[in-house]
N, C-alpha and C. Protein backbone atom coordinates (compact mmCIF):
# COMPACT_ATOMS: atom_id res chain seq x y z
N MET A 1 11.52 142.62 144.76
CA MET A 1 12.72 143.12 144.48
C MET A 1 13.23 142.44 143.14
N ASP A 2 13.15 141.03 143.12
CA ASP A 2 13.80 140.37 141.89
C ASP A 2 13.06 140.91 140.57
N ARG A 3 11.77 141.30 140.61
CA ARG A 3 11.06 141.58 139.55
C ARG A 3 11.60 143.20 139.05
N VAL A 4 11.93 143.97 140.09
CA VAL A 4 12.56 145.23 139.82
C VAL A 4 13.85 145.18 139.05
N ILE A 5 14.72 144.30 139.57
CA ILE A 5 15.93 144.07 138.96
C ILE A 5 15.91 143.56 137.61
N GLN A 6 14.87 142.83 137.25
CA GLN A 6 14.62 142.22 136.00
C GLN A 6 14.20 143.23 134.93
N LYS A 7 13.36 144.15 135.40
CA LYS A 7 13.01 145.31 134.71
C LYS A 7 14.11 146.31 134.35
N VAL A 8 14.90 146.34 135.35
CA VAL A 8 15.89 147.47 135.11
C VAL A 8 16.99 146.84 134.32
N SER A 9 17.39 145.53 134.32
CA SER A 9 18.18 144.90 133.39
C SER A 9 17.76 144.86 131.99
N LEU A 10 16.51 144.68 131.75
CA LEU A 10 15.76 144.75 130.57
C LEU A 10 15.93 146.11 129.88
N GLY A 11 15.59 147.03 130.62
CA GLY A 11 15.69 148.41 130.24
C GLY A 11 17.12 148.81 129.80
N VAL A 12 18.08 148.40 130.50
CA VAL A 12 19.46 148.71 130.19
C VAL A 12 19.79 148.08 128.95
N LEU A 13 19.36 146.80 128.75
CA LEU A 13 19.65 145.96 127.43
C LEU A 13 18.84 146.70 126.43
N GLY A 14 17.86 147.17 126.44
CA GLY A 14 17.06 147.91 125.47
C GLY A 14 17.90 149.20 125.07
N LEU A 15 18.14 149.85 126.08
CA LEU A 15 19.01 151.07 125.74
C LEU A 15 20.35 150.71 124.99
N GLY A 16 21.01 149.70 125.44
CA GLY A 16 22.33 149.29 124.71
C GLY A 16 21.91 148.85 123.30
N VAL A 17 20.77 148.23 122.93
CA VAL A 17 20.39 147.84 121.63
C VAL A 17 19.99 149.11 120.76
N ALA A 18 19.26 150.03 121.37
CA ALA A 18 18.92 151.29 120.65
C ALA A 18 20.17 152.31 120.40
N LEU A 19 21.23 151.99 121.16
CA LEU A 19 22.30 152.80 120.85
C LEU A 19 23.43 152.23 119.97
N ALA A 20 23.30 150.79 120.06
CA ALA A 20 24.30 150.02 119.12
C ALA A 20 23.91 149.93 117.76
N VAL A 21 22.57 149.82 117.48
CA VAL A 21 22.09 149.56 115.96
C VAL A 21 22.45 150.72 115.13
N PRO A 22 22.12 152.04 115.53
CA PRO A 22 22.55 153.15 114.74
C PRO A 22 24.09 153.14 114.43
N ALA A 23 24.85 152.82 115.52
CA ALA A 23 26.38 152.86 115.48
C ALA A 23 26.85 151.87 114.53
N LEU A 24 26.26 150.66 114.38
CA LEU A 24 26.77 149.53 113.58
C LEU A 24 26.28 149.94 112.28
N SER A 25 25.07 150.55 111.86
CA SER A 25 24.63 150.77 110.59
C SER A 25 25.74 151.93 110.05
N TYR A 26 26.06 152.81 110.90
CA TYR A 26 26.96 153.88 110.36
C TYR A 26 28.42 153.32 110.08
N ALA A 27 28.79 152.45 110.99
CA ALA A 27 30.25 151.82 110.62
C ALA A 27 30.27 150.96 109.37
N GLN A 28 28.92 150.41 109.18
CA GLN A 28 29.08 149.61 107.79
C GLN A 28 28.95 150.49 106.69
N ALA A 29 28.56 151.72 106.71
CA ALA A 29 28.39 152.55 105.74
C ALA A 29 29.58 153.37 105.34
N THR A 30 30.47 153.48 106.28
CA THR A 30 31.80 154.24 105.99
C THR A 30 33.10 153.22 105.90
N ASN A 31 33.94 153.48 105.16
CA ASN A 31 35.15 152.80 105.20
C ASN A 31 36.10 153.11 106.37
N ILE A 32 36.30 152.28 107.31
CA ILE A 32 37.18 152.40 108.35
C ILE A 32 38.68 152.41 107.89
N PHE A 33 39.05 151.39 107.11
CA PHE A 33 40.33 151.13 106.54
C PHE A 33 40.18 151.23 104.97
N PRO A 34 41.04 151.86 104.32
CA PRO A 34 40.96 152.11 103.02
C PRO A 34 41.41 150.67 102.23
N VAL A 35 40.61 150.24 101.37
CA VAL A 35 40.73 149.03 100.76
C VAL A 35 41.26 149.06 99.33
N SER A 36 42.34 148.28 99.08
CA SER A 36 42.87 148.34 97.68
C SER A 36 42.93 146.95 97.32
N SER A 37 42.58 146.87 95.92
CA SER A 37 42.68 145.62 95.32
C SER A 37 43.68 145.44 94.48
N ASP A 38 44.79 146.08 94.44
CA ASP A 38 45.98 145.96 93.61
C ASP A 38 46.53 144.69 93.84
N VAL A 39 47.01 143.93 92.88
CA VAL A 39 47.65 142.51 92.93
C VAL A 39 48.82 142.58 93.77
N ALA A 40 49.58 143.57 93.64
CA ALA A 40 50.81 143.78 94.46
C ALA A 40 50.51 143.89 96.08
N THR A 41 49.59 144.54 96.32
CA THR A 41 49.28 144.82 97.63
C THR A 41 48.50 143.67 98.24
N ILE A 42 47.76 142.80 97.54
CA ILE A 42 47.11 141.67 98.01
C ILE A 42 48.38 140.62 98.28
N LYS A 43 49.25 140.51 97.26
CA LYS A 43 50.22 139.65 97.66
C LYS A 43 51.14 139.89 98.79
N GLY A 44 51.46 141.17 99.03
CA GLY A 44 52.24 141.60 100.25
C GLY A 44 51.40 141.35 101.34
N ASP A 45 50.01 141.64 101.35
CA ASP A 45 49.22 141.33 102.78
C ASP A 45 49.15 139.88 102.91
N LEU A 46 49.17 138.97 101.72
CA LEU A 46 49.08 137.52 102.17
C LEU A 46 50.47 137.05 102.78
N LEU A 47 51.58 137.56 102.07
CA LEU A 47 52.96 137.27 102.72
C LEU A 47 53.06 137.89 104.11
N LEU A 48 52.69 138.89 104.43
CA LEU A 48 52.59 139.49 105.71
C LEU A 48 51.89 138.55 106.77
N TRP A 49 50.53 138.29 106.46
CA TRP A 49 49.71 137.32 107.19
C TRP A 49 50.44 135.93 107.44
N ALA A 50 51.00 135.28 106.37
CA ALA A 50 51.47 133.93 106.40
C ALA A 50 52.74 134.11 107.51
N THR A 51 53.62 135.18 107.30
CA THR A 51 54.68 135.33 108.15
C THR A 51 54.20 135.52 109.68
N ALA A 52 53.23 136.28 109.91
CA ALA A 52 52.66 136.52 111.21
C ALA A 52 52.12 135.26 111.79
N LEU A 53 51.41 134.38 110.93
CA LEU A 53 50.84 133.12 111.46
C LEU A 53 51.93 132.00 111.61
N ILE A 54 53.06 132.07 110.90
CA ILE A 54 54.16 131.15 111.10
C ILE A 54 54.94 131.39 112.44
N GLY A 55 55.06 132.85 112.65
CA GLY A 55 55.63 133.38 114.00
C GLY A 55 54.82 132.91 115.11
N VAL A 56 53.43 133.05 115.11
CA VAL A 56 52.57 132.54 116.15
C VAL A 56 52.76 131.07 116.30
N ALA A 57 52.81 130.38 115.22
CA ALA A 57 53.03 128.87 115.41
C ALA A 57 54.23 128.49 116.07
N LEU A 58 55.30 129.07 115.67
CA LEU A 58 56.61 128.95 116.23
C LEU A 58 56.79 129.35 117.71
N ALA A 59 56.16 130.25 118.01
CA ALA A 59 56.12 130.88 119.52
C ALA A 59 55.42 129.88 120.32
N ILE A 60 54.22 129.43 119.75
CA ILE A 60 53.51 128.34 120.54
C ILE A 60 54.25 127.03 120.83
N TYR A 61 54.86 126.63 119.68
CA TYR A 61 55.67 125.55 119.74
C TYR A 61 56.96 125.56 120.80
N ALA A 62 57.62 126.88 120.71
CA ALA A 62 58.69 127.04 121.71
C ALA A 62 58.26 127.10 122.95
N PHE A 63 56.93 127.69 123.26
CA PHE A 63 56.51 127.69 124.46
C PHE A 63 56.32 126.36 125.19
N LYS A 64 55.72 125.45 124.39
CA LYS A 64 55.30 124.02 124.75
C LYS A 64 56.76 123.35 125.02
N ARG A 65 57.65 123.42 123.99
CA ARG A 65 58.94 122.76 124.32
C ARG A 65 59.63 123.19 125.46
N VAL A 66 59.62 124.55 125.88
CA VAL A 66 60.36 125.11 127.11
C VAL A 66 59.59 124.62 128.38
N ARG A 67 58.19 124.53 128.29
CA ARG A 67 57.38 124.03 129.44
C ARG A 67 57.65 122.60 129.55
N ALA A 68 57.81 121.89 128.64
CA ALA A 68 58.21 120.39 128.75
C ALA A 68 59.58 120.17 129.21
N LEU A 69 60.40 121.09 128.95
CA LEU A 69 61.76 120.86 129.58
C LEU A 69 61.77 121.36 131.17
N VAL A 70 60.95 122.28 131.43
CA VAL A 70 61.22 122.78 132.71
C VAL A 70 60.30 121.69 133.51
N ARG A 71 59.34 120.97 133.28
CA ARG A 71 58.82 120.02 134.08
C ARG A 71 59.59 118.91 134.17
């Protein structure tokens, strides 16, 4: 019985790989998101990411402070 389960799981894994490889190669060949290398766009993106990361850091800090106050 254990051997049957092993063969079935190996077959499912093989099927998953057989289906995933063509999908990944297709996804790499097409542009999902349009890419622009304009300097203004890059500056805006960097500013947006910096703001988002600072917001996440502040949220984590606030969560830890509130948790420390509650304890």
